[in-house]
């Protein structure tokens, strides 16, 4: 990473601001530029000193960048690629932090120049909070970051991004965009839909009696709606298949309860308990969570 001189982050919300802060800490002497089109966000970002430079000039922000990271809603990426394509220096690496990858890879292939290298990134970190005022430089400590590649992906660019995300605290996995979107539909996108549906299935007066379990389970339903609209629409096929699977599981439980089949109810509960215990043991062994 000795040759790294400038990192540019497009979008200064929670994730974008946390990336710039983490980069300032991990790469002293490297220029960190943050772009946002919102004047109010620029004022906050400058006050909080989240980057070396905060600008409203998207083309100027990438003109000397070695790495460009898109941290805006997914459905803005196509437009952003078009806006920056002619300003990107040869050899620049472009990535993003979007929660879906298949469509983004296709946009990058279609729009970005051939002397620029795109690799997908998905750092699995964040919270239901939004805005640069919630950014922090340790957001990515012990977080998993998935890099997505195709046979056309430049391997040197992958190595550079591996070192970048590792330096700010992430553990790295590599997979194809197809694998990523299938898996994340199940373990990220479907849980969000489930939490939203559970909240919407109750009226506000009943929700006032909710305990900690309900509150913990539905925390992610407080996530920003505009971000999640893009996620769901850009991974529609995988997500709708996931909805079918969870509906089938609910159907099994419904039938068992309706039929008074305690044995089947216990079997379903124990299967979930054992799977979850295995997952937690794996996460603890790999230091992805702390006991």
Protein backbone atom coordinates (compact mmCIF):
# COMPACT_ATOMS: atom_id res chain seq x y z
CA UNK A 1 0.00 0.00 0.00
CA UNK A 2 3.06 2.29 -0.10
CA UNK A 3 2.02 3.65 -3.50
CA UNK A 4 -1.41 4.74 -2.19
CA UNK A 5 -1.72 8.53 -2.31
CA UNK A 6 -5.46 9.28 -2.38
CA UNK A 7 -8.68 7.53 -1.40
CA UNK A 8 -12.00 9.08 -2.46
CA UNK A 9 -15.34 8.16 -0.91
CA UNK A 10 -18.50 9.19 -2.75
CA UNK A 11 -21.31 9.57 -0.21
CA UNK A 12 -20.78 10.61 3.40
CA UNK A 13 -23.46 8.85 5.39
CA UNK A 14 -22.79 6.42 8.23
CA UNK A 15 -20.76 4.00 6.07
CA UNK A 16 -19.02 6.58 3.89
CA UNK A 17 -18.05 8.74 6.86
CA UNK A 18 -16.84 5.71 8.81
CA UNK A 19 -14.67 4.63 5.86
CA UNK A 20 -13.03 8.06 5.61
CA UNK A 21 -12.40 8.15 9.38
CA UNK A 22 -10.98 4.61 9.36
CA UNK A 23 -8.79 5.44 6.36
CA UNK A 24 -7.42 8.56 8.07
CA UNK A 25 -6.44 6.39 11.04
CA UNK A 26 -5.06 3.44 9.04
CA UNK A 27 -3.22 5.39 6.33
CA UNK A 28 -1.52 8.45 7.81
CA UNK A 29 -0.18 10.68 5.05
CA UNK A 30 -2.73 9.44 2.47
CA UNK A 31 -5.17 12.09 1.25
CA UNK A 32 -8.78 11.10 2.02
CA UNK A 33 -11.40 12.96 -0.02
CA UNK A 34 -15.13 12.81 0.71
CA UNK A 35 -17.78 13.87 -1.81
CA UNK A 36 -21.43 14.61 -1.06
CA UNK A 37 -23.96 16.62 -3.01
CA UNK A 38 -25.78 17.77 0.14
CA UNK A 39 -24.60 21.10 1.55
CA UNK A 40 -25.86 20.19 5.03
CA UNK A 41 -23.84 16.96 5.01
CA UNK A 42 -20.75 18.81 3.80
CA UNK A 43 -21.03 21.25 6.70
CA UNK A 44 -21.34 18.40 9.22
CA UNK A 45 -18.49 16.43 7.61
CA UNK A 46 -16.15 19.43 7.70
CA UNK A 47 -17.06 20.19 11.31
CA UNK A 48 -16.43 16.57 12.29
CA UNK A 49 -13.19 16.42 10.22
CA UNK A 50 -14.13 13.08 8.68
CA UNK A 51 -11.81 13.57 5.68
CA UNK A 52 -8.76 15.50 4.54
CA UNK A 53 -11.01 17.30 2.07
CA UNK A 54 -14.80 17.47 1.69
CA UNK A 55 -16.07 18.59 -1.70
CA UNK A 56 -19.16 19.06 -3.88
CA UNK A 57 -17.20 18.37 -7.10
CA UNK A 58 -17.64 14.69 -7.89
CA UNK A 59 -15.35 14.70 -10.94
CA UNK A 60 -12.65 16.67 -9.18
CA UNK A 61 -12.87 14.34 -6.19
CA UNK A 62 -11.74 11.33 -8.25
CA UNK A 63 -9.28 12.99 -10.65
CA UNK A 64 -6.20 11.93 -8.64
CA UNK A 65 -7.66 8.97 -6.73
CA UNK A 66 -6.02 5.57 -6.45
CA UNK A 67 -9.16 4.04 -4.89
CA UNK A 68 -12.74 5.31 -5.32
CA UNK A 69 -15.44 3.90 -3.04
CA UNK A 70 -19.13 4.46 -3.75
CA UNK A 71 -21.13 4.71 -0.52
CA UNK A 72 -24.42 6.03 -1.91
CA UNK A 73 -27.71 4.10 -2.43
CA UNK A 74 -27.26 1.24 -4.92
CA UNK A 75 -29.56 2.62 -7.60
CA UNK A 76 -27.39 5.77 -7.84
CA UNK A 77 -24.30 3.77 -8.82
CA UNK A 78 -25.14 3.66 -12.53
CA UNK A 79 -25.42 7.45 -12.61
CA UNK A 80 -22.30 7.88 -10.47
CA UNK A 81 -20.26 5.63 -12.78
CA UNK A 82 -21.35 7.78 -15.71
CA UNK A 83 -20.44 11.02 -13.93
CA UNK A 84 -16.94 9.97 -12.92
CA UNK A 85 -15.89 7.76 -15.82
CA UNK A 86 -14.05 10.43 -17.84
CA UNK A 87 -12.35 11.89 -14.76
CA UNK A 88 -10.88 8.63 -13.41
CA UNK A 89 -7.11 8.26 -13.80
CA UNK A 90 -5.74 5.16 -15.53
CA UNK A 91 -5.17 2.31 -13.06
CA UNK A 92 -7.69 3.62 -10.55
CA UNK A 93 -9.61 0.99 -8.56
CA UNK A 94 -13.36 1.58 -8.22
CA UNK A 95 -15.42 -0.26 -5.61
CA UNK A 96 -18.61 0.22 -3.61
CA UNK A 97 -20.24 -0.82 -0.34
CA UNK A 98 -23.59 -1.92 -1.77
CA UNK A 99 -25.52 -4.88 -0.36
CA UNK A 100 -26.18 -6.37 -3.81
CA UNK A 101 -23.62 -6.98 -6.50
CA UNK A 102 -24.88 -8.63 -9.70
CA UNK A 103 -26.39 -5.52 -11.27
CA UNK A 104 -23.51 -3.31 -10.08
CA UNK A 105 -20.94 -5.52 -11.81
CA UNK A 106 -22.94 -5.23 -15.04
CA UNK A 107 -23.12 -1.43 -14.75
CA UNK A 108 -19.38 -1.22 -14.11
CA UNK A 109 -18.61 -3.47 -17.09
CA UNK A 110 -20.81 -1.34 -19.35
CA UNK A 111 -19.84 2.15 -18.18
CA UNK A 112 -16.36 2.30 -16.67
CA UNK A 113 -13.32 2.66 -18.98
CA UNK A 114 -11.15 -0.39 -19.60
CA UNK A 115 -8.09 1.16 -17.93
CA UNK A 116 -9.97 1.38 -14.62
CA UNK A 117 -10.50 -1.68 -12.39
CA UNK A 118 -13.81 -2.45 -10.69
CA UNK A 119 -14.08 -4.88 -7.76
CA UNK A 120 -17.23 -5.24 -5.65
CA UNK A 121 -16.94 -4.73 -1.88
CA UNK A 122 -19.51 -5.39 0.83
CA UNK A 123 -18.35 -4.61 4.36
CA UNK A 124 -21.01 -6.13 6.59
CA UNK A 125 -21.15 -3.40 9.20
CA UNK A 126 -23.41 -0.56 10.19
CA UNK A 127 -26.54 0.05 12.21
CA UNK A 128 -30.07 1.33 11.90
CA UNK A 129 -28.66 4.85 12.36
CA UNK A 130 -27.89 7.04 9.38
CA UNK A 131 -25.94 10.19 8.77
CA UNK A 132 -22.30 11.30 8.96
CA UNK A 133 -22.79 12.39 12.57
CA UNK A 134 -22.92 8.67 13.53
CA UNK A 135 -19.71 7.78 11.66
CA UNK A 136 -16.89 6.26 13.66
CA UNK A 137 -13.44 4.97 12.83
CA UNK A 138 -13.89 1.55 14.47
CA UNK A 139 -17.11 0.55 12.67
CA UNK A 140 -15.29 -2.09 10.63
CA UNK A 141 -13.31 -3.73 13.45
CA UNK A 142 -13.86 -7.51 13.20
CA UNK A 143 -16.44 -6.98 10.42
CA UNK A 144 -16.61 -9.36 7.46
CA UNK A 145 -16.00 -7.73 4.07
CA UNK A 146 -16.95 -9.69 0.97
CA UNK A 147 -15.08 -8.91 -2.26
CA UNK A 148 -16.93 -9.95 -5.41
CA UNK A 149 -15.07 -10.89 -8.57
CA UNK A 150 -15.62 -12.33 -12.03
CA UNK A 151 -13.14 -13.97 -14.44
CA UNK A 152 -12.49 -10.47 -15.85
CA UNK A 153 -11.61 -8.90 -12.49
CA UNK A 154 -8.05 -7.57 -12.16
CA UNK A 155 -6.24 -9.66 -9.54
CA UNK A 156 -3.86 -6.87 -8.51
CA UNK A 157 -6.86 -4.65 -7.78
CA UNK A 158 -8.35 -7.43 -5.64
CA UNK A 159 -5.11 -7.64 -3.67
CA UNK A 160 -5.03 -3.89 -3.10
CA UNK A 161 -8.60 -3.86 -1.81
CA UNK A 162 -7.90 -6.91 0.36
CA UNK A 163 -5.10 -4.96 2.04
CA UNK A 164 -7.22 -1.80 2.29
CA UNK A 165 -10.20 -3.43 4.02
CA UNK A 166 -7.89 -5.52 6.22
CA UNK A 167 -6.08 -2.36 7.35
CA UNK A 168 -9.32 -0.81 8.62
CA UNK A 169 -10.25 -3.94 10.56
CA UNK A 170 -12.11 -6.32 8.24
CA UNK A 171 -11.84 -10.05 7.64
CA UNK A 172 -12.04 -10.77 3.91
CA UNK A 173 -13.93 -13.38 1.88
CA UNK A 174 -14.05 -13.57 -1.92
CA UNK A 175 -17.00 -14.84 -3.95
CA UNK A 176 -18.81 -14.24 -7.22
CA UNK A 177 -21.60 -11.65 -7.47
CA UNK A 178 -24.10 -14.49 -8.00
CA UNK A 179 -23.00 -16.26 -4.82
CA UNK A 180 -23.04 -13.01 -2.87
CA UNK A 181 -26.57 -12.04 -3.88
CA UNK A 182 -27.96 -15.51 -3.18
CA UNK A 183 -26.41 -15.76 0.29
CA UNK A 184 -27.08 -12.17 1.36
CA UNK A 185 -30.72 -12.49 0.32
CA UNK A 186 -31.06 -15.21 2.97
CA UNK A 187 -28.96 -13.83 5.82
CA UNK A 188 -29.44 -10.07 5.41
CA UNK A 189 -32.25 -9.05 3.10
CA UNK A 190 -34.82 -11.63 4.24
CA UNK A 191 -34.28 -10.85 7.96
CA UNK A 192 -34.97 -7.19 7.20
CA UNK A 193 -38.21 -8.02 5.42
CA UNK A 194 -39.20 -10.35 8.26
CA UNK A 195 -38.59 -7.66 10.89
CA UNK A 196 -40.58 -5.13 8.85
CA UNK A 197 -43.44 -7.58 8.38
CA UNK A 198 -43.52 -8.47 12.08
CA UNK A 199 -43.80 -4.80 13.05
CA UNK A 200 -46.43 -4.10 10.38
CA UNK A 201 -48.49 -7.12 11.53
CA UNK A 202 -49.11 -5.36 14.86
CA UNK A 203 -50.94 -2.17 15.74
CA UNK A 204 -49.16 0.56 17.65
CA UNK A 205 -51.18 0.06 20.86
CA UNK A 206 -50.18 -3.62 21.05
CA UNK A 207 -46.55 -2.74 20.27
CA UNK A 208 -46.40 -0.68 23.47
CA UNK A 209 -46.39 -4.00 25.37
CA UNK A 210 -43.43 -5.40 23.39
CA UNK A 211 -40.54 -6.75 25.46
CA UNK A 212 -36.80 -6.85 24.83
CA UNK A 213 -37.02 -9.93 22.61
CA UNK A 214 -39.40 -8.22 20.19
CA UNK A 215 -37.34 -5.02 20.27
CA UNK A 216 -34.08 -6.91 19.60
CA UNK A 217 -35.61 -8.94 16.79
CA UNK A 218 -37.10 -5.91 15.02
CA UNK A 219 -34.21 -3.44 15.49
CA UNK A 220 -33.25 -3.62 11.81
CA UNK A 221 -36.73 -2.50 10.77
CA UNK A 222 -35.56 0.99 11.80
CA UNK A 223 -33.11 1.07 8.87
CA UNK A 224 -33.42 3.82 6.22
CA UNK A 225 -36.26 3.00 3.82
CA UNK A 226 -34.64 4.54 0.73
CA UNK A 227 -31.52 2.36 1.12
CA UNK A 228 -33.59 -0.79 1.54
CA UNK A 229 -35.85 -0.11 -1.44
CA UNK A 230 -32.73 -0.23 -3.64
CA UNK A 231 -31.46 -3.41 -1.97
CA UNK A 232 -34.74 -5.27 -2.42
CA UNK A 233 -35.30 -4.19 -6.01
CA UNK A 234 -31.76 -5.05 -7.14
CA UNK A 235 -31.90 -8.59 -5.71
CA UNK A 236 -35.56 -9.33 -6.41
CA UNK A 237 -35.25 -12.90 -7.70
CA UNK A 238 -33.22 -14.18 -4.75
CA UNK A 239 -35.35 -12.33 -2.22
CA UNK A 240 -38.68 -13.57 -3.57
CA UNK A 241 -37.33 -17.14 -3.47
CA UNK A 242 -36.32 -16.51 0.13
CA UNK A 243 -39.80 -15.24 0.98
CA UNK A 244 -41.18 -18.50 -0.44
CA UNK A 245 -38.83 -20.50 1.82
CA UNK A 246 -39.69 -18.62 5.00
CA UNK A 247 -43.40 -18.78 4.12
CA UNK A 248 -43.04 -22.56 3.80
CA UNK A 249 -41.38 -22.72 7.25
CA UNK A 250 -44.18 -20.62 8.76
CA UNK A 251 -46.63 -22.98 7.06
CA UNK A 252 -45.02 -25.98 8.78
CA UNK A 253 -45.28 -24.28 12.16
CA UNK A 254 -48.84 -23.15 11.50
CA UNK A 255 -49.93 -26.67 10.57
CA UNK A 256 -48.24 -28.19 13.64
CA UNK A 257 -49.88 -25.67 15.99
CA UNK A 258 -53.28 -26.04 14.32
CA UNK A 259 -53.08 -29.83 14.58
CA UNK A 260 -51.92 -29.76 18.19
CA UNK A 261 -48.77 -31.64 17.15
CA UNK A 262 -46.41 -30.86 20.03
CA UNK A 263 -43.82 -33.29 18.75
CA UNK A 264 -43.53 -31.48 15.40
CA UNK A 265 -43.47 -28.08 17.11
CA UNK A 266 -40.59 -29.22 19.32
CA UNK A 267 -38.78 -30.68 16.33
CA UNK A 268 -38.96 -27.36 14.47
CA UNK A 269 -37.88 -25.37 17.54
CA UNK A 270 -34.96 -27.71 18.26
CA UNK A 271 -33.79 -27.65 14.64
CA UNK A 272 -33.61 -23.85 14.73
CA UNK A 273 -31.94 -23.83 18.15
CA UNK A 274 -29.24 -26.30 17.03
CA UNK A 275 -28.54 -24.43 13.78
CA UNK A 276 -28.26 -21.12 15.59
CA UNK A 277 -25.95 -22.60 18.23
CA UNK A 278 -23.71 -23.95 15.47
CA UNK A 279 -23.66 -20.52 13.80
CA UNK A 280 -22.77 -18.74 17.06
CA UNK A 281 -19.98 -21.25 17.78
CA UNK A 282 -18.52 -20.63 14.31
CA UNK A 283 -18.70 -16.85 14.75
CA UNK A 284 -17.02 -17.01 18.16
CA UNK A 285 -14.29 -19.36 16.91
CA UNK A 286 -13.53 -16.93 14.07
CA UNK A 287 -13.68 -13.94 16.44
CA UNK A 288 -16.52 -12.37 14.45
CA UNK A 289 -18.43 -11.96 17.70
CA UNK A 290 -17.27 -11.80 21.30
CA UNK A 291 -18.90 -13.88 24.02
